Amino acid sequence: MWFKNCFVKFCHPNQGLLSTLGLALMLCTSSTWAQPVPQLNLQRVKLTAGMHVIDAQVALTPEQRQIGLMMRKDMPQHEGMVFIFEQPSEQCFWMKNTLLPLTAAFVADDGTIVNLADMKPETTDPHCSAKPVRYVLEMNKGWFAKKGIKPGAKLAGPIFEAGR
């Protein structure tokens, strides 16, 4: 779709097809394929980890999950992003274009944290769930450790109600 829009925008009847294609690609890829824009207006859900309340953005669609927390320069300590998948499977995350150090909690259907992974910014190292999960909650790096939250702890909130 982006190519069609760019091609129409830059097509000129006196230019040959190849030169028009080249111009459209050159001009459109530089703006259309720029760095991802931070997602700041996603739906939110309140989650709890013991007495701690988390204001989590919800990444539900494939596009929202793909962008995640990319290009965010900061995030309040009580906020995070929960990634919701259609069904439990091994989930692997990486940090390409992600500027914040994060900890990922891989979470089972009932809200139980399966495992945690600290992730370095702007890397492509995979961080995977120890078993199939449907949810992944990303928080600022060290948030879980500072709160004493470890694998086996349970998160609560409306997204986990069906799994209990």
N, C-alpha and C. Protein backbone atom coordinates (compact mmCIF):
# COMPACT_ATOMS: atom_id res chain seq x y z
N MET A 1 0.82 -1.19 0.00
CA MET A 1 0.00 0.00 0.00
C MET A 1 0.87 1.26 0.00
N TRP A 2 1.92 1.27 0.85
CA TRP A 2 2.76 2.47 0.89
C TRP A 2 3.36 2.75 -0.47
N PHE A 3 3.74 1.68 -1.21
CA PHE A 3 4.38 1.89 -2.51
C PHE A 3 3.38 2.48 -3.50
N LYS A 4 2.16 1.95 -3.51
CA LYS A 4 1.15 2.46 -4.42
C LYS A 4 0.92 3.95 -4.17
N ASN A 5 0.77 4.35 -2.91
CA ASN A 5 0.55 5.76 -2.59
C ASN A 5 1.74 6.61 -3.03
N CYS A 6 2.94 6.12 -2.78
CA CYS A 6 4.13 6.89 -3.17
C CYS A 6 4.26 6.95 -4.68
N PHE A 7 3.98 5.84 -5.37
CA PHE A 7 4.11 5.81 -6.82
C PHE A 7 3.16 6.82 -7.45
N VAL A 8 1.93 6.83 -7.00
CA VAL A 8 0.95 7.77 -7.54
C VAL A 8 1.38 9.20 -7.25
N LYS A 9 1.90 9.45 -6.06
CA LYS A 9 2.29 10.79 -5.66
C LYS A 9 3.42 11.34 -6.53
N PHE A 10 4.36 10.47 -6.93
CA PHE A 10 5.55 10.95 -7.64
C PHE A 10 5.56 10.58 -9.12
N CYS A 11 4.50 10.00 -9.64
CA CYS A 11 4.45 9.61 -11.05
C CYS A 11 4.22 10.85 -11.91
N HIS A 12 5.00 10.96 -12.95
CA HIS A 12 4.86 12.09 -13.86
C HIS A 12 4.79 11.53 -15.27
N PRO A 13 3.84 11.98 -16.08
CA PRO A 13 3.66 11.38 -17.41
C PRO A 13 4.87 11.52 -18.33
N ASN A 14 5.75 12.50 -18.15
CA ASN A 14 6.90 12.69 -19.03
C ASN A 14 8.11 11.88 -18.59
N GLN A 15 8.01 11.13 -17.47
CA GLN A 15 9.13 10.31 -17.01
C GLN A 15 8.90 8.87 -17.42
N GLY A 16 9.98 8.16 -17.63
CA GLY A 16 9.87 6.73 -17.90
C GLY A 16 9.50 5.99 -16.62
N LEU A 17 9.00 4.77 -16.80
CA LEU A 17 8.56 3.97 -15.66
C LEU A 17 9.71 3.71 -14.69
N LEU A 18 10.91 3.36 -15.19
CA LEU A 18 12.01 3.05 -14.29
C LEU A 18 12.48 4.26 -13.50
N SER A 19 12.56 5.41 -14.14
CA SER A 19 12.99 6.59 -13.38
C SER A 19 11.93 6.99 -12.35
N THR A 20 10.67 6.84 -12.70
CA THR A 20 9.59 7.13 -11.75
C THR A 20 9.64 6.16 -10.58
N LEU A 21 9.85 4.89 -10.89
CA LEU A 21 9.97 3.88 -9.83
C LEU A 21 11.13 4.21 -8.90
N GLY A 22 12.26 4.55 -9.48
CA GLY A 22 13.44 4.88 -8.67
C GLY A 22 13.19 6.09 -7.78
N LEU A 23 12.58 7.13 -8.33
CA LEU A 23 12.28 8.33 -7.56
C LEU A 23 11.30 8.01 -6.44
N ALA A 24 10.26 7.25 -6.76
CA ALA A 24 9.26 6.90 -5.75
C ALA A 24 9.89 6.09 -4.63
N LEU A 25 10.71 5.12 -4.98
CA LEU A 25 11.37 4.30 -3.95
C LEU A 25 12.30 5.14 -3.10
N MET A 26 13.09 6.00 -3.73
CA MET A 26 14.05 6.81 -3.00
C MET A 26 13.34 7.76 -2.03
N LEU A 27 12.31 8.44 -2.50
CA LEU A 27 11.62 9.41 -1.67
C LEU A 27 10.72 8.77 -0.62
N CYS A 28 10.10 7.66 -0.98
CA CYS A 28 9.13 7.05 -0.08
C CYS A 28 9.78 6.19 0.99
N THR A 29 10.81 5.47 0.65
CA THR A 29 11.40 4.60 1.66
C THR A 29 12.05 5.41 2.76
N SER A 30 12.57 6.57 2.45
CA SER A 30 13.21 7.37 3.49
C SER A 30 12.21 7.86 4.53
N SER A 31 10.97 8.15 4.12
CA SER A 31 9.99 8.61 5.10
C SER A 31 9.10 7.49 5.59
N THR A 32 8.69 6.58 4.70
CA THR A 32 7.77 5.54 5.08
C THR A 32 8.42 4.47 5.94
N TRP A 33 9.66 4.17 5.70
CA TRP A 33 10.34 3.12 6.44
C TRP A 33 11.26 3.70 7.50
N ALA A 34 10.95 4.87 8.00
CA ALA A 34 11.73 5.49 9.06
C ALA A 34 11.57 4.67 10.34
N GLN A 35 12.30 5.06 11.37
CA GLN A 35 12.23 4.37 12.65
C GLN A 35 10.78 4.28 13.11
N PRO A 36 10.41 3.19 13.81
CA PRO A 36 9.05 3.08 14.33
C PRO A 36 8.73 4.23 15.28
N VAL A 37 7.48 4.61 15.30
CA VAL A 37 7.02 5.68 16.18
C VAL A 37 6.60 5.04 17.50
N PRO A 38 6.98 5.62 18.64
CA PRO A 38 6.58 5.03 19.92
C PRO A 38 5.06 4.94 20.04
N GLN A 39 4.60 3.81 20.59
CA GLN A 39 3.17 3.61 20.83
C GLN A 39 2.85 4.15 22.21
N LEU A 40 2.12 5.23 22.26
CA LEU A 40 1.81 5.85 23.54
C LEU A 40 0.32 5.82 23.86
N ASN A 41 -0.51 5.49 22.89
CA ASN A 41 -1.96 5.59 23.08
C ASN A 41 -2.68 4.25 22.98
N LEU A 42 -2.02 3.17 23.35
CA LEU A 42 -2.68 1.88 23.33
C LEU A 42 -3.66 1.76 24.49
N GLN A 43 -4.60 0.85 24.35
CA GLN A 43 -5.51 0.52 25.46
C GLN A 43 -4.66 0.14 26.68
N ARG A 44 -5.18 0.40 27.86
CA ARG A 44 -4.44 0.09 29.10
C ARG A 44 -5.26 -0.84 29.98
N VAL A 45 -4.54 -1.58 30.83
CA VAL A 45 -5.18 -2.47 31.79
C VAL A 45 -4.41 -2.37 33.11
N LYS A 46 -5.15 -2.42 34.22
CA LYS A 46 -4.52 -2.43 35.54
C LYS A 46 -4.22 -3.88 35.92
N LEU A 47 -2.97 -4.13 36.27
CA LEU A 47 -2.54 -5.44 36.75
C LEU A 47 -1.98 -5.25 38.15
N THR A 48 -1.98 -6.30 38.94
CA THR A 48 -1.35 -6.22 40.25
C THR A 48 -0.37 -7.38 40.41
N ALA A 49 0.69 -7.09 41.12
CA ALA A 49 1.68 -8.08 41.52
C ALA A 49 1.79 -7.90 43.03
N GLY A 50 1.03 -8.72 43.78
CA GLY A 50 0.94 -8.50 45.22
C GLY A 50 0.28 -7.16 45.45
N MET A 51 0.94 -6.31 46.23
CA MET A 51 0.37 -4.98 46.53
C MET A 51 0.76 -3.93 45.49
N HIS A 52 1.52 -4.30 44.49
CA HIS A 52 2.01 -3.35 43.49
C HIS A 52 1.05 -3.28 42.29
N VAL A 53 0.67 -2.06 41.92
CA VAL A 53 -0.23 -1.85 40.80
C VAL A 53 0.58 -1.46 39.57
N ILE A 54 0.25 -2.09 38.46
CA ILE A 54 0.93 -1.84 37.18
C ILE A 54 -0.09 -1.27 36.21
N ASP A 55 0.24 -0.15 35.59
CA ASP A 55 -0.56 0.45 34.53
C ASP A 55 0.07 -0.01 33.22
N ALA A 56 -0.53 -1.04 32.61
CA ALA A 56 0.09 -1.66 31.43
C ALA A 56 -0.63 -1.31 30.15
N GLN A 57 0.15 -0.87 29.16
CA GLN A 57 -0.39 -0.73 27.82
C GLN A 57 -0.59 -2.15 27.27
N VAL A 58 -1.59 -2.33 26.43
CA VAL A 58 -1.90 -3.64 25.89
C VAL A 58 -1.51 -3.71 24.41
N ALA A 59 -0.57 -4.60 24.10
CA ALA A 59 -0.18 -4.85 22.71
C ALA A 59 -0.91 -6.13 22.28
N LEU A 60 -1.99 -5.95 21.52
CA LEU A 60 -2.88 -7.06 21.20
C LEU A 60 -2.77 -7.52 19.76
N THR A 61 -2.60 -6.58 18.83
CA THR A 61 -2.54 -6.96 17.41
C THR A 61 -1.10 -7.32 17.04
N PRO A 62 -0.91 -8.06 15.95
CA PRO A 62 0.45 -8.37 15.52
C PRO A 62 1.31 -7.12 15.32
N GLU A 63 0.76 -6.06 14.76
CA GLU A 63 1.53 -4.83 14.55
C GLU A 63 1.91 -4.18 15.88
N GLN A 64 0.96 -4.12 16.82
CA GLN A 64 1.25 -3.55 18.14
C GLN A 64 2.33 -4.37 18.85
N ARG A 65 2.24 -5.69 18.74
CA ARG A 65 3.25 -6.55 19.38
C ARG A 65 4.61 -6.38 18.72
N GLN A 66 4.63 -6.21 17.42
CA GLN A 66 5.90 -6.06 16.71
C GLN A 66 6.61 -4.76 17.12
N ILE A 67 5.89 -3.68 17.28
CA ILE A 67 6.48 -2.40 17.65
C ILE A 67 6.79 -2.36 19.15
N GLY A 68 5.89 -2.88 19.97
CA GLY A 68 6.13 -2.94 21.41
C GLY A 68 6.56 -1.60 21.99
N LEU A 69 7.64 -1.62 22.73
CA LEU A 69 8.17 -0.40 23.37
C LEU A 69 9.31 0.24 22.56
N MET A 70 9.39 -0.09 21.28
CA MET A 70 10.44 0.51 20.45
C MET A 70 10.38 2.04 20.50
N MET A 71 11.55 2.64 20.49
CA MET A 71 11.77 4.07 20.38
C MET A 71 11.29 4.87 21.60
N ARG A 72 10.82 4.22 22.64
CA ARG A 72 10.45 4.93 23.86
C ARG A 72 11.72 5.36 24.58
N LYS A 73 11.78 6.62 24.99
CA LYS A 73 12.97 7.13 25.67
C LYS A 73 12.85 7.00 27.19
N ASP A 74 11.62 6.89 27.67
CA ASP A 74 11.42 6.71 29.10
C ASP A 74 10.07 6.07 29.34
N MET A 75 9.91 5.54 30.55
CA MET A 75 8.64 4.93 30.94
C MET A 75 8.55 5.03 32.46
N PRO A 76 7.45 5.57 32.98
CA PRO A 76 7.30 5.65 34.43
C PRO A 76 7.46 4.27 35.08
N GLN A 77 7.94 4.25 36.32
CA GLN A 77 8.24 2.99 37.00
C GLN A 77 7.01 2.10 37.20
N HIS A 78 5.83 2.66 37.32
CA HIS A 78 4.64 1.85 37.56
C HIS A 78 3.96 1.40 36.25
N GLU A 79 4.55 1.75 35.12
CA GLU A 79 3.97 1.39 33.83
C GLU A 79 4.76 0.27 33.17
N GLY A 80 4.07 -0.42 32.25
CA GLY A 80 4.69 -1.48 31.47
C GLY A 80 3.88 -1.72 30.22
N MET A 81 4.20 -2.80 29.53
CA MET A 81 3.42 -3.20 28.36
C MET A 81 3.20 -4.71 28.43
N VAL A 82 1.94 -5.11 28.29
CA VAL A 82 1.61 -6.53 28.27
C VAL A 82 1.27 -6.93 26.84
N PHE A 83 1.93 -7.97 26.38
CA PHE A 83 1.74 -8.51 25.05
C PHE A 83 0.81 -9.71 25.19
N ILE A 84 -0.29 -9.70 24.45
CA ILE A 84 -1.27 -10.78 24.54
C ILE A 84 -1.30 -11.51 23.21
N PHE A 85 -1.07 -12.82 23.27
CA PHE A 85 -1.06 -13.66 22.08
C PHE A 85 -2.34 -14.51 22.05
N GLU A 86 -2.69 -15.00 20.87
CA GLU A 86 -3.93 -15.74 20.68
C GLU A 86 -3.94 -17.05 21.46
N GLN A 87 -2.80 -17.70 21.55
CA GLN A 87 -2.71 -18.98 22.25
C GLN A 87 -1.33 -19.14 22.84
N PRO A 88 -1.21 -19.97 23.88
CA PRO A 88 0.12 -20.18 24.48
C PRO A 88 1.08 -20.83 23.48
N SER A 89 2.29 -20.31 23.44
CA SER A 89 3.37 -20.90 22.66
C SER A 89 4.68 -20.33 23.21
N GLU A 90 5.79 -20.89 22.77
CA GLU A 90 7.07 -20.32 23.20
C GLU A 90 7.15 -18.91 22.63
N GLN A 91 7.36 -17.93 23.48
CA GLN A 91 7.46 -16.54 23.05
C GLN A 91 8.91 -16.10 23.21
N CYS A 92 9.45 -15.49 22.17
CA CYS A 92 10.82 -14.98 22.22
C CYS A 92 10.80 -13.49 21.87
N PHE A 93 11.52 -12.71 22.64
CA PHE A 93 11.56 -11.27 22.46
C PHE A 93 13.01 -10.84 22.25
N TRP A 94 13.17 -9.72 21.53
CA TRP A 94 14.48 -9.10 21.35
C TRP A 94 14.29 -7.61 21.48
N MET A 95 15.36 -6.85 21.42
CA MET A 95 15.32 -5.43 21.76
C MET A 95 15.73 -4.50 20.63
N LYS A 96 15.64 -4.95 19.40
CA LYS A 96 15.99 -4.08 18.27
C LYS A 96 15.13 -2.81 18.32
N ASN A 97 15.76 -1.66 18.19
CA ASN A 97 15.10 -0.35 18.23
C ASN A 97 14.44 -0.03 19.57
N THR A 98 14.77 -0.78 20.60
CA THR A 98 14.23 -0.51 21.93
C THR A 98 15.33 0.14 22.75
N LEU A 99 15.06 1.34 23.23
CA LEU A 99 16.08 2.17 23.88
C LEU A 99 16.17 1.96 25.39
N LEU A 100 15.13 1.40 25.98
CA LEU A 100 15.07 1.22 27.43
C LEU A 100 15.53 -0.18 27.83
N PRO A 101 16.31 -0.32 28.90
CA PRO A 101 16.57 -1.67 29.42
C PRO A 101 15.29 -2.18 30.07
N LEU A 102 14.91 -3.39 29.75
CA LEU A 102 13.65 -3.94 30.22
C LEU A 102 13.83 -5.31 30.85
N THR A 103 12.86 -5.70 31.67
CA THR A 103 12.75 -7.08 32.14
C THR A 103 11.43 -7.60 31.60
N ALA A 104 11.49 -8.78 30.98
CA ALA A 104 10.28 -9.42 30.46
C ALA A 104 9.87 -10.52 31.43
N ALA A 105 8.59 -10.51 31.79
CA ALA A 105 8.00 -11.59 32.58
C ALA A 105 7.15 -12.41 31.62
N PHE A 106 7.48 -13.68 31.49
CA PHE A 106 6.70 -14.59 30.66
C PHE A 106 5.65 -15.20 31.58
N VAL A 107 4.37 -15.03 31.21
CA VAL A 107 3.27 -15.27 32.14
C VAL A 107 2.27 -16.28 31.56
N ALA A 108 1.92 -17.27 32.40
CA ALA A 108 0.95 -18.30 32.02
C ALA A 108 -0.47 -17.73 32.04
N ASP A 109 -1.42 -18.50 31.53
CA ASP A 109 -2.81 -18.07 31.44
C ASP A 109 -3.41 -17.65 32.78
N ASP A 110 -2.99 -18.29 33.87
CA ASP A 110 -3.56 -17.98 35.19
C ASP A 110 -2.83 -16.83 35.89
N GLY A 111 -1.86 -16.20 35.22
CA GLY A 111 -1.14 -15.07 35.80
C GLY A 111 0.16 -15.44 36.48
N THR A 112 0.52 -16.72 36.48
CA THR A 112 1.76 -17.16 37.12
C THR A 112 2.96 -16.78 36.25
N ILE A 113 3.95 -16.12 36.86
CA ILE A 113 5.18 -15.78 36.13
C ILE A 113 5.99 -17.05 35.97
N VAL A 114 6.24 -17.42 34.72
CA VAL A 114 7.00 -18.64 34.39
C VAL A 114 8.49 -18.38 34.52
N ASN A 115 8.96 -17.31 33.91
CA ASN A 115 10.36 -16.92 34.02
C ASN A 115 10.50 -15.43 33.70
N LEU A 116 11.64 -14.88 34.11
CA LEU A 116 11.96 -13.47 33.89
C LEU A 116 13.24 -13.39 33.07
N ALA A 117 13.34 -12.36 32.25
CA ALA A 117 14.55 -12.15 31.45
C ALA A 117 14.89 -10.67 31.41
N ASP A 118 16.10 -10.32 31.87
CA ASP A 118 16.60 -8.95 31.73
C ASP A 118 17.12 -8.79 30.32
N MET A 119 16.78 -7.67 29.68
CA MET A 119 17.11 -7.47 28.27
C MET A 119 17.84 -6.14 28.08
N LYS A 120 18.95 -6.19 27.35
CA LYS A 120 19.74 -5.00 27.05
C LYS A 120 19.16 -4.26 25.85
N PRO A 121 19.16 -2.92 25.91
CA PRO A 121 18.64 -2.13 24.79
C PRO A 121 19.40 -2.37 23.48
N GLU A 122 18.67 -2.22 22.40
CA GLU A 122 19.20 -2.24 21.03
C GLU A 122 20.04 -3.47 20.72
N THR A 123 19.56 -4.64 21.17
CA THR A 123 20.24 -5.89 20.85
C THR A 123 19.24 -6.82 20.16
N THR A 124 19.76 -7.82 19.50
CA THR A 124 18.90 -8.81 18.85
C THR A 124 19.03 -10.17 19.53
N ASP A 125 19.55 -10.18 20.75
CA ASP A 125 19.64 -11.44 21.50
C ASP A 125 18.23 -11.91 21.84
N PRO A 126 17.93 -13.19 21.58
CA PRO A 126 16.58 -13.68 21.91
C PRO A 126 16.44 -13.97 23.40
N HIS A 127 15.27 -13.64 23.94
CA HIS A 127 14.90 -13.93 25.33
C HIS A 127 13.57 -14.66 25.25
N CYS A 128 13.57 -15.94 25.66
CA CYS A 128 12.41 -16.79 25.41
C CYS A 128 11.76 -17.30 26.69
N SER A 129 10.50 -17.66 26.55
CA SER A 129 9.77 -18.25 27.67
C SER A 129 10.28 -19.67 27.90
N ALA A 130 10.27 -20.09 29.17
CA ALA A 130 10.73 -21.43 29.53
C ALA A 130 9.70 -22.49 29.14
N LYS A 131 8.46 -22.07 28.93
CA LYS A 131 7.41 -22.97 28.46
C LYS A 131 6.39 -22.13 27.70
N PRO A 132 5.43 -22.74 27.04
CA PRO A 132 4.45 -21.95 26.29
C PRO A 132 3.66 -21.01 27.20
N VAL A 133 3.55 -19.74 26.77
CA VAL A 133 2.78 -18.73 27.49
C VAL A 133 1.97 -17.91 26.50
N ARG A 134 0.95 -17.25 27.02
CA ARG A 134 0.11 -16.37 26.20
C ARG A 134 0.43 -14.90 26.44
N TYR A 135 1.06 -14.60 27.60
CA TYR A 135 1.30 -13.21 27.99
C TYR A 135 2.78 -12.95 28.26
N VAL A 136 3.21 -11.74 27.92
CA VAL A 136 4.54 -11.27 28.27
C VAL A 136 4.37 -9.84 28.77
N LEU A 137 4.88 -9.58 29.97
CA LEU A 137 4.80 -8.25 30.57
C LEU A 137 6.20 -7.67 30.62
N GLU A 138 6.39 -6.53 29.93
CA GLU A 138 7.68 -5.83 29.97
C GLU A 138 7.58 -4.65 30.93
N MET A 139 8.57 -4.56 31.82
CA MET A 139 8.68 -3.47 32.78
C MET A 139 10.11 -2.94 32.69
N ASN A 140 10.35 -1.77 33.29
CA ASN A 140 11.71 -1.25 33.36
C ASN A 140 12.60 -2.32 34.00
N LYS A 141 13.82 -2.43 33.51
CA LYS A 141 14.75 -3.43 34.03
C LYS A 141 14.91 -3.27 35.54
N GLY A 142 14.81 -4.38 36.23
CA GLY A 142 14.99 -4.40 37.67
C GLY A 142 13.72 -4.19 38.47
N TRP A 143 12.61 -3.84 37.82
CA TRP A 143 11.37 -3.59 38.54
C TRP A 143 10.95 -4.81 39.36
N PHE A 144 10.95 -5.97 38.75
CA PHE A 144 10.53 -7.18 39.44
C PHE A 144 11.47 -7.49 40.61
N ALA A 145 12.77 -7.37 40.38
CA ALA A 145 13.76 -7.66 41.44
C ALA A 145 13.59 -6.70 42.61
N LYS A 146 13.39 -5.41 42.34
CA LYS A 146 13.21 -4.42 43.41
C LYS A 146 11.97 -4.71 44.25
N LYS A 147 10.96 -5.29 43.63
CA LYS A 147 9.71 -5.59 44.33
C LYS A 147 9.72 -7.01 44.93
N GLY A 148 10.80 -7.76 44.72
CA GLY A 148 10.88 -9.13 45.24
C GLY A 148 9.98 -10.11 44.51
N ILE A 149 9.66 -9.81 43.26
CA ILE A 149 8.76 -10.65 42.48
C ILE A 149 9.59 -11.60 41.62
N LYS A 150 9.35 -12.90 41.80
CA LYS A 150 10.15 -13.94 41.15
C LYS A 150 9.24 -14.90 40.39
N PRO A 151 9.84 -15.78 39.58
CA PRO A 151 9.02 -16.82 38.93
C PRO A 151 8.22 -17.59 39.98
N GLY A 152 6.98 -17.89 39.63
CA GLY A 152 6.07 -18.55 40.56
C GLY A 152 5.08 -17.58 41.17
N ALA A 153 5.44 -16.27 41.21
CA ALA A 153 4.52 -15.25 41.71
C ALA A 153 3.36 -15.11 40.73
N LYS A 154 2.23 -14.65 41.25
CA LYS A 154 1.06 -14.50 40.39
C LYS A 154 0.73 -13.03 40.18
N LEU A 155 0.43 -12.71 38.94
CA LEU A 155 -0.11 -11.40 38.59
C LEU A 155 -1.63 -11.55 38.56
N ALA A 156 -2.32 -10.46 38.83
CA ALA A 156 -3.78 -10.47 38.77
C ALA A 156 -4.25 -9.33 37.90
N GLY A 157 -5.43 -9.50 37.35
CA GLY A 157 -6.03 -8.47 36.51
C GLY A 157 -7.05 -9.12 35.59
N PRO A 158 -7.84 -8.29 34.92
CA PRO A 158 -8.93 -8.82 34.10
C PRO A 158 -8.48 -9.75 32.97
N ILE A 159 -7.26 -9.58 32.47
CA ILE A 159 -6.82 -10.43 31.36
C ILE A 159 -6.56 -11.87 31.82
N PHE A 160 -6.35 -12.08 33.12
CA PHE A 160 -6.07 -13.42 33.63
C PHE A 160 -7.31 -14.10 34.20
N GLU A 161 -8.44 -13.43 34.23
CA GLU A 161 -9.65 -13.98 34.86
C GLU A 161 -10.07 -15.32 34.26
N ALA A 162 -10.03 -15.47 32.95
CA ALA A 162 -10.48 -16.69 32.32
C ALA A 162 -9.56 -17.86 32.61
N GLY A 163 -8.28 -17.58 32.90
CA GLY A 163 -7.30 -18.65 33.12
C GLY A 163 -7.26 -19.16 34.54
N ARG A 164 -8.11 -18.62 35.42
CA ARG A 164 -8.08 -19.05 36.84
C ARG A 164 -9.12 -20.08 37.12
